[in-house]
Amino acid sequence: MIDPSDILRGKILIVDDQAANIALLDQMLRRAGYVSVSSTTNSEKVCELHLVNRYDLILLDLQMPGMDGFQVMENLKEIETDSYLPVLVITAQPNHKLRALSAGAKDFVSKPFDVAEVLIRVRNMLEVRLLHLEAKKLYERVLEEKNVSERLLHSVLPPSIAARLNEHVEVTPDGSSPLVTESYAEVTVLFADIVEFTKFSEGTSANILIGVLNDISARSDNLEHRPDLNRKKTTGDAYRAAVELPTDVADRSMLAVHKALDLTEALDRFNAHSRYKLRVRIGIEPRESGSDSPRVRKRLHSL
């Protein structure tokens, strides 16, 4: 929601070749509480003024000598590239209203002025304009966060997976990107749980906790001797691993078992040089793709 005070601070430009009309509109708006009201009698300066001040609302007379209001709107379209013209036209000709709306104006007020009508239309226009600007900022922020997420994702994924993602950059007709999917007849899920780690973390400082996790991670980091696995790290103390299963490995369950044993051996090496004695529970579940019930279930006891 837009705060009422933001509406009253909206930047307004009055464009009319008659100084009396400008004075009347100016006083109406200021008495209603609007604090940023400007004006000009020269229609040829409207675009220049808008480029500098980026008005939230332009009250524009249609019948002016030299450049009329319709030409002003055409010129404003070159500035407002998102096709939203914050223009409220002023006209005494009923047949000009439809033409003005078709040209890009968002609303109109008639001469002679009805004070209540003018103030309601001005307020509504400003509220819509400010909502439009907020939505535009939100969209830009979402795009920026999406780009950051994609860069992070590609920095931690194995090269082959990142390459496949880069190949799927086309956009579907509805504006979305297609999912990158692959299917496997069987998958194996490896579960690892450090026993009572929550209790351990509650009595440990953040620096010590991070050091312990990094130490265990480093001790299990023997993947340079394993051509079938691929590990990636993020920067600093954050850690994320990604594993590729090669096509020439028939028993993926055994691959998960070896990884589980690597983890327990790393924890044993940690315990041998630390006053913290940690244990780990390991679970391995091979599943058929698309099935909720495991075909095989292996559970190793606490180690």
Protein backbone atom coordinates (compact mmCIF):
# COMPACT_ATOMS: atom_id res chain seq x y z
CA MET A 1 0.00 0.00 0.00
CA ILE A 2 1.09 3.56 -0.74
CA ASP A 3 1.32 5.85 2.28
CA PRO A 4 -1.01 8.92 1.96
CA SER A 5 1.93 11.21 2.72
CA ASP A 6 3.80 9.78 -0.28
CA ILE A 7 0.84 10.70 -2.50
CA LEU A 8 0.88 14.28 -1.23
CA ARG A 9 4.62 14.45 -1.97
CA GLY A 10 4.09 13.30 -5.55
CA LYS A 11 5.67 15.58 -8.15
CA ILE A 12 3.02 17.28 -10.30
CA LEU A 13 3.44 19.40 -13.44
CA ILE A 14 0.59 21.59 -14.74
CA VAL A 15 0.77 22.38 -18.48
CA ASP A 16 -1.64 25.01 -19.83
CA ASP A 17 -1.21 28.05 -22.03
CA GLN A 18 -3.69 30.00 -19.87
CA ALA A 19 -2.05 31.37 -16.69
CA ALA A 20 -5.47 31.65 -15.01
CA ASN A 21 -6.08 27.91 -15.37
CA ILE A 22 -2.64 27.16 -13.95
CA ALA A 23 -3.24 29.43 -10.96
CA LEU A 24 -6.61 27.81 -10.26
CA LEU A 25 -5.28 24.23 -10.42
CA ASP A 26 -2.18 25.17 -8.41
CA GLN A 27 -4.26 26.58 -5.56
CA MET A 28 -6.67 23.64 -5.60
CA LEU A 29 -3.82 21.15 -5.26
CA ARG A 30 -1.88 23.07 -2.61
CA ARG A 31 -4.97 23.53 -0.44
CA ALA A 32 -5.50 19.76 -0.67
CA GLY A 33 -2.01 19.25 0.79
CA TYR A 34 0.15 18.64 -2.30
CA VAL A 35 3.62 20.10 -1.72
CA SER A 36 5.42 19.60 -5.03
CA VAL A 37 3.48 21.39 -7.76
CA SER A 38 5.18 22.97 -10.81
CA SER A 39 3.79 24.54 -13.97
CA THR A 40 4.62 25.78 -17.45
CA THR A 41 2.74 27.59 -20.21
CA ASN A 42 5.22 26.39 -22.85
CA SER A 43 4.22 22.94 -24.13
CA GLU A 44 7.55 22.52 -25.97
CA LYS A 45 9.41 22.40 -22.62
CA VAL A 46 7.37 19.55 -21.13
CA CYS A 47 9.67 16.71 -22.22
CA GLU A 48 12.78 18.60 -21.13
CA LEU A 49 11.25 19.26 -17.72
CA HIS A 50 10.11 15.65 -17.35
CA LEU A 51 13.57 14.33 -18.20
CA VAL A 52 15.02 16.39 -15.36
CA ASN A 53 12.27 16.00 -12.74
CA ARG A 54 10.50 12.72 -13.61
CA TYR A 55 7.05 13.91 -12.61
CA ASP A 56 4.60 11.47 -11.05
CA LEU A 57 1.69 13.24 -12.73
CA ILE A 58 1.37 15.69 -15.64
CA LEU A 59 -1.86 17.69 -15.89
CA LEU A 60 -1.88 18.42 -19.61
CA ASP A 61 -4.13 20.79 -21.55
CA LEU A 62 -4.88 19.49 -25.06
CA GLN A 63 -5.57 22.73 -26.93
CA MET A 64 -2.44 24.88 -26.88
CA PRO A 65 -0.72 27.00 -29.55
CA GLY A 66 2.35 25.54 -31.21
CA MET A 67 2.66 21.98 -29.87
CA ASP A 68 -0.72 20.68 -28.74
CA GLY A 69 -1.27 18.12 -26.01
CA PHE A 70 -1.45 15.16 -28.41
CA GLN A 71 2.03 15.90 -29.77
CA VAL A 72 3.34 16.32 -26.24
CA MET A 73 2.11 12.82 -25.38
CA GLU A 74 3.79 11.37 -28.48
CA ASN A 75 7.07 12.94 -27.40
CA LEU A 76 6.64 11.70 -23.82
CA LYS A 77 6.35 8.13 -25.10
CA GLU A 78 10.01 8.31 -26.15
CA ILE A 79 10.92 9.01 -22.52
CA GLU A 80 8.49 6.66 -20.78
CA THR A 81 9.67 3.51 -22.56
CA ASP A 82 7.58 1.22 -20.33
CA SER A 83 4.46 2.61 -22.08
CA TYR A 84 3.08 4.17 -18.89
CA LEU A 85 2.35 7.88 -19.40
CA PRO A 86 1.51 9.64 -16.12
CA VAL A 87 -0.77 12.07 -17.98
CA LEU A 88 -4.13 13.47 -16.88
CA VAL A 89 -5.49 15.51 -19.78
CA ILE A 90 -7.50 18.71 -19.43
CA THR A 91 -10.11 19.32 -22.10
CA ALA A 92 -13.32 21.25 -22.76
CA GLN A 93 -14.06 19.17 -25.88
CA PRO A 94 -15.98 15.91 -25.17
CA ASN A 95 -14.87 14.46 -28.54
CA HIS A 96 -11.21 14.78 -27.48
CA LYS A 97 -11.52 12.43 -24.50
CA LEU A 98 -11.51 9.13 -26.38
CA ARG A 99 -8.71 10.30 -28.66
CA ALA A 100 -6.62 11.35 -25.66
CA LEU A 101 -7.09 7.98 -23.93
CA SER A 102 -6.13 6.21 -27.16
CA ALA A 103 -3.00 8.36 -27.35
CA GLY A 104 -1.82 7.13 -23.94
CA ALA A 105 -3.46 9.43 -21.38
CA LYS A 106 -4.59 7.59 -18.26
CA ASP A 107 -7.53 9.84 -17.34
CA PHE A 108 -9.05 13.27 -18.00
CA VAL A 109 -10.74 16.21 -16.29
CA SER A 110 -13.19 18.52 -17.95
CA LYS A 111 -13.37 22.29 -18.13
CA PRO A 112 -14.85 24.09 -16.28
CA PHE A 113 -13.25 22.36 -13.30
CA ASP A 114 -15.18 20.48 -10.63
CA VAL A 115 -12.92 20.72 -7.56
CA ALA A 116 -13.98 17.40 -6.01
CA GLU A 117 -13.61 15.57 -9.33
CA VAL A 118 -10.15 17.02 -10.00
CA LEU A 119 -8.84 16.09 -6.55
CA ILE A 120 -10.20 12.54 -6.73
CA ARG A 121 -8.75 11.91 -10.18
CA VAL A 122 -5.39 13.43 -9.22
CA ARG A 123 -5.18 11.28 -6.09
CA ASN A 124 -6.14 8.10 -7.95
CA MET A 125 -3.63 8.80 -10.70
CA LEU A 126 -0.80 9.43 -8.26
CA GLU A 127 -1.57 6.28 -6.29
CA VAL A 128 -1.51 4.14 -9.44
CA ARG A 129 1.69 5.82 -10.63
CA LEU A 130 3.49 5.20 -7.32
CA LEU A 131 2.29 1.58 -7.26
CA HIS A 132 3.62 1.17 -10.80
CA LEU A 133 7.03 2.50 -9.76
CA GLU A 134 7.11 0.20 -6.70
CA ALA A 135 6.25 -2.81 -8.86
CA LYS A 136 8.99 -1.86 -11.31
CA LYS A 137 11.57 -1.63 -8.50
CA LEU A 138 10.46 -5.00 -7.13
CA TYR A 139 10.75 -6.62 -10.57
CA GLU A 140 14.26 -5.23 -11.03
CA ARG A 141 15.28 -6.49 -7.59
CA VAL A 142 13.90 -9.97 -8.37
CA LEU A 143 15.89 -10.05 -11.63
CA GLU A 144 19.05 -8.98 -9.82
CA GLU A 145 18.61 -11.68 -7.15
CA LYS A 146 17.89 -14.26 -9.87
CA ASN A 147 21.14 -13.36 -11.63
CA VAL A 148 23.11 -13.63 -8.38
CA SER A 149 21.53 -17.03 -7.64
CA GLU A 150 22.37 -18.30 -11.11
CA ARG A 151 25.99 -17.19 -10.81
CA LEU A 152 26.28 -18.90 -7.41
CA LEU A 153 24.64 -22.05 -8.71
CA HIS A 154 26.99 -22.30 -11.66
CA SER A 155 30.00 -21.69 -9.40
CA VAL A 156 29.26 -24.71 -7.19
CA LEU A 157 27.90 -27.20 -9.71
CA PRO A 158 30.10 -29.75 -11.49
CA PRO A 159 31.17 -28.45 -14.92
CA SER A 160 29.08 -30.98 -16.85
CA ILE A 161 25.87 -30.03 -15.03
CA ALA A 162 26.56 -26.31 -15.39
CA ALA A 163 27.18 -26.84 -19.11
CA ARG A 164 23.81 -28.59 -19.50
CA LEU A 165 22.06 -25.75 -17.70
CA ASN A 166 23.73 -23.21 -19.98
CA GLU A 167 22.39 -25.09 -23.00
CA HIS A 168 18.79 -24.54 -21.82
CA VAL A 169 18.57 -20.76 -21.92
CA GLU A 170 15.70 -20.53 -24.40
CA VAL A 171 12.40 -19.07 -23.22
CA THR A 172 9.05 -20.70 -23.86
CA PRO A 173 6.17 -18.72 -25.45
CA ASP A 174 4.67 -18.02 -22.01
CA GLY A 175 7.89 -16.29 -20.93
CA SER A 176 9.24 -19.05 -18.69
CA SER A 177 12.36 -21.17 -19.03
CA PRO A 178 11.90 -24.93 -19.52
CA LEU A 179 12.97 -27.33 -16.82
CA VAL A 180 16.14 -29.32 -17.37
CA THR A 181 15.15 -32.91 -16.59
CA GLU A 182 16.82 -36.27 -16.69
CA SER A 183 15.51 -39.67 -15.70
CA TYR A 184 17.18 -42.62 -14.02
CA ALA A 185 15.82 -46.09 -13.41
CA GLU A 186 17.30 -46.09 -9.92
CA VAL A 187 18.59 -43.56 -7.43
CA THR A 188 20.43 -44.04 -4.15
CA VAL A 189 20.03 -41.63 -1.26
CA LEU A 190 22.73 -41.33 1.39
CA PHE A 191 21.74 -39.98 4.82
CA ALA A 192 24.36 -38.83 7.35
CA ASP A 193 23.47 -37.57 10.82
CA ILE A 194 26.03 -36.47 13.43
CA VAL A 195 24.62 -37.86 16.67
CA GLU A 196 23.33 -35.22 19.12
CA PHE A 197 24.89 -32.47 17.03
CA THR A 198 22.21 -30.01 18.16
CA LYS A 199 23.23 -30.44 21.80
CA PHE A 200 26.88 -30.13 20.81
CA SER A 201 26.24 -26.90 18.85
CA GLU A 202 24.24 -25.31 21.69
CA GLY A 203 27.23 -25.42 24.02
CA THR A 204 29.81 -24.35 21.45
CA SER A 205 30.73 -20.95 20.09
CA ALA A 206 30.10 -20.18 16.44
CA ASN A 207 33.82 -19.99 15.63
CA ILE A 208 34.53 -23.40 17.18
CA LEU A 209 31.49 -24.93 15.50
CA ILE A 210 32.56 -23.69 12.07
CA GLY A 211 36.09 -24.92 12.72
CA VAL A 212 34.83 -28.41 13.63
CA LEU A 213 32.67 -28.66 10.52
CA ASN A 214 35.47 -27.40 8.29
CA ASP A 215 37.88 -29.88 9.88
CA ILE A 216 35.56 -32.82 9.28
CA SER A 217 34.91 -31.59 5.75
CA ALA A 218 38.63 -31.31 5.01
CA ARG A 219 39.33 -34.79 6.38
CA SER A 220 36.70 -36.32 4.09
CA ASP A 221 37.98 -34.34 1.13
CA ASN A 222 39.82 -37.14 -0.63
CA LEU A 223 37.92 -36.86 -3.88
CA GLU A 224 40.98 -36.04 -5.95
CA HIS A 225 41.64 -39.80 -5.95
CA ARG A 226 38.08 -40.61 -6.98
CA PRO A 227 37.48 -39.97 -10.71
CA ASP A 228 33.82 -40.90 -10.34
CA LEU A 229 32.95 -38.03 -7.99
CA ASN A 230 33.13 -34.29 -8.30
CA ARG A 231 33.15 -31.83 -5.41
CA LYS A 232 32.80 -28.07 -5.42
CA LYS A 233 33.18 -25.55 -2.60
CA THR A 234 31.80 -22.09 -2.15
CA THR A 235 33.92 -19.32 -0.69
CA GLY A 236 34.62 -18.82 3.00
CA ASP A 237 33.18 -21.22 5.55
CA ALA A 238 30.14 -22.13 3.49
CA TYR A 239 30.25 -25.60 1.98
CA ARG A 240 28.24 -27.33 -0.67
CA ALA A 241 28.98 -30.59 -2.46
CA ALA A 242 27.68 -31.95 -5.75
CA VAL A 243 28.16 -35.53 -6.91
CA GLU A 244 28.03 -36.91 -10.45
CA LEU A 245 27.27 -40.57 -10.96
CA PRO A 246 29.18 -41.95 -13.96
CA THR A 247 27.39 -44.01 -16.56
CA ASP A 248 29.84 -46.91 -16.19
CA VAL A 249 29.00 -47.54 -12.53
CA ALA A 250 26.41 -50.29 -12.41
CA ASP A 251 25.92 -50.50 -8.64
CA ARG A 252 25.29 -46.98 -7.42
CA SER A 253 24.44 -48.32 -3.99
CA MET A 254 28.03 -49.50 -3.55
CA LEU A 255 29.24 -46.06 -4.56
CA ALA A 256 27.12 -44.55 -1.78
CA VAL A 257 28.44 -47.14 0.67
CA HIS A 258 32.05 -46.19 -0.12
CA LYS A 259 31.19 -42.54 0.40
CA ALA A 260 29.54 -43.34 3.73
CA LEU A 261 32.65 -45.22 4.87
CA ASP A 262 34.82 -42.29 3.80
CA LEU A 263 32.73 -40.05 6.05
CA THR A 264 32.99 -42.34 9.09
CA GLU A 265 36.75 -42.69 8.61
CA ALA A 266 37.06 -38.90 8.42
CA LEU A 267 35.15 -38.61 11.69
CA ASP A 268 37.44 -41.20 13.31
CA ARG A 269 40.49 -39.21 12.23
CA PHE A 270 38.89 -36.07 13.65
CA ASN A 271 38.12 -37.73 17.00
CA ALA A 272 41.71 -39.00 17.26
CA HIS A 273 43.02 -35.41 17.32
CA SER A 274 40.17 -33.62 19.10
CA ARG A 275 38.59 -33.50 22.53
CA TYR A 276 35.20 -33.61 20.81
CA LYS A 277 34.08 -37.22 20.33
CA LEU A 278 31.42 -37.27 17.66
CA ARG A 279 29.48 -40.17 16.20
CA VAL A 280 27.56 -40.46 12.96
CA ARG A 281 24.53 -42.46 11.85
CA ILE A 282 24.44 -43.52 8.22
CA GLY A 283 21.47 -44.65 6.16
CA ILE A 284 21.37 -45.78 2.52
CA GLU A 285 18.16 -46.22 0.55
CA PRO A 286 18.16 -47.38 -3.08
CA ARG A 287 14.87 -46.47 -4.72
CA GLU A 288 13.26 -47.11 -8.06
CA SER A 289 12.61 -43.86 -9.86
CA GLY A 290 9.05 -42.65 -9.32
CA SER A 291 8.40 -45.00 -6.39
CA ASP A 292 7.76 -43.92 -2.82
CA SER A 293 8.58 -47.31 -1.30
CA PRO A 294 12.24 -48.41 -1.20
CA ARG A 295 13.18 -51.72 -2.84
CA VAL A 296 16.13 -52.16 -0.52
CA ARG A 297 16.85 -50.51 2.81
CA LYS A 298 20.18 -50.70 4.59
CA ARG A 299 20.74 -49.11 7.96
CA LEU A 300 24.17 -48.93 9.55
CA HIS A 301 24.23 -48.57 13.33
CA SER A 302 25.73 -45.59 15.14
CA LEU A 303 29.46 -45.44 14.55
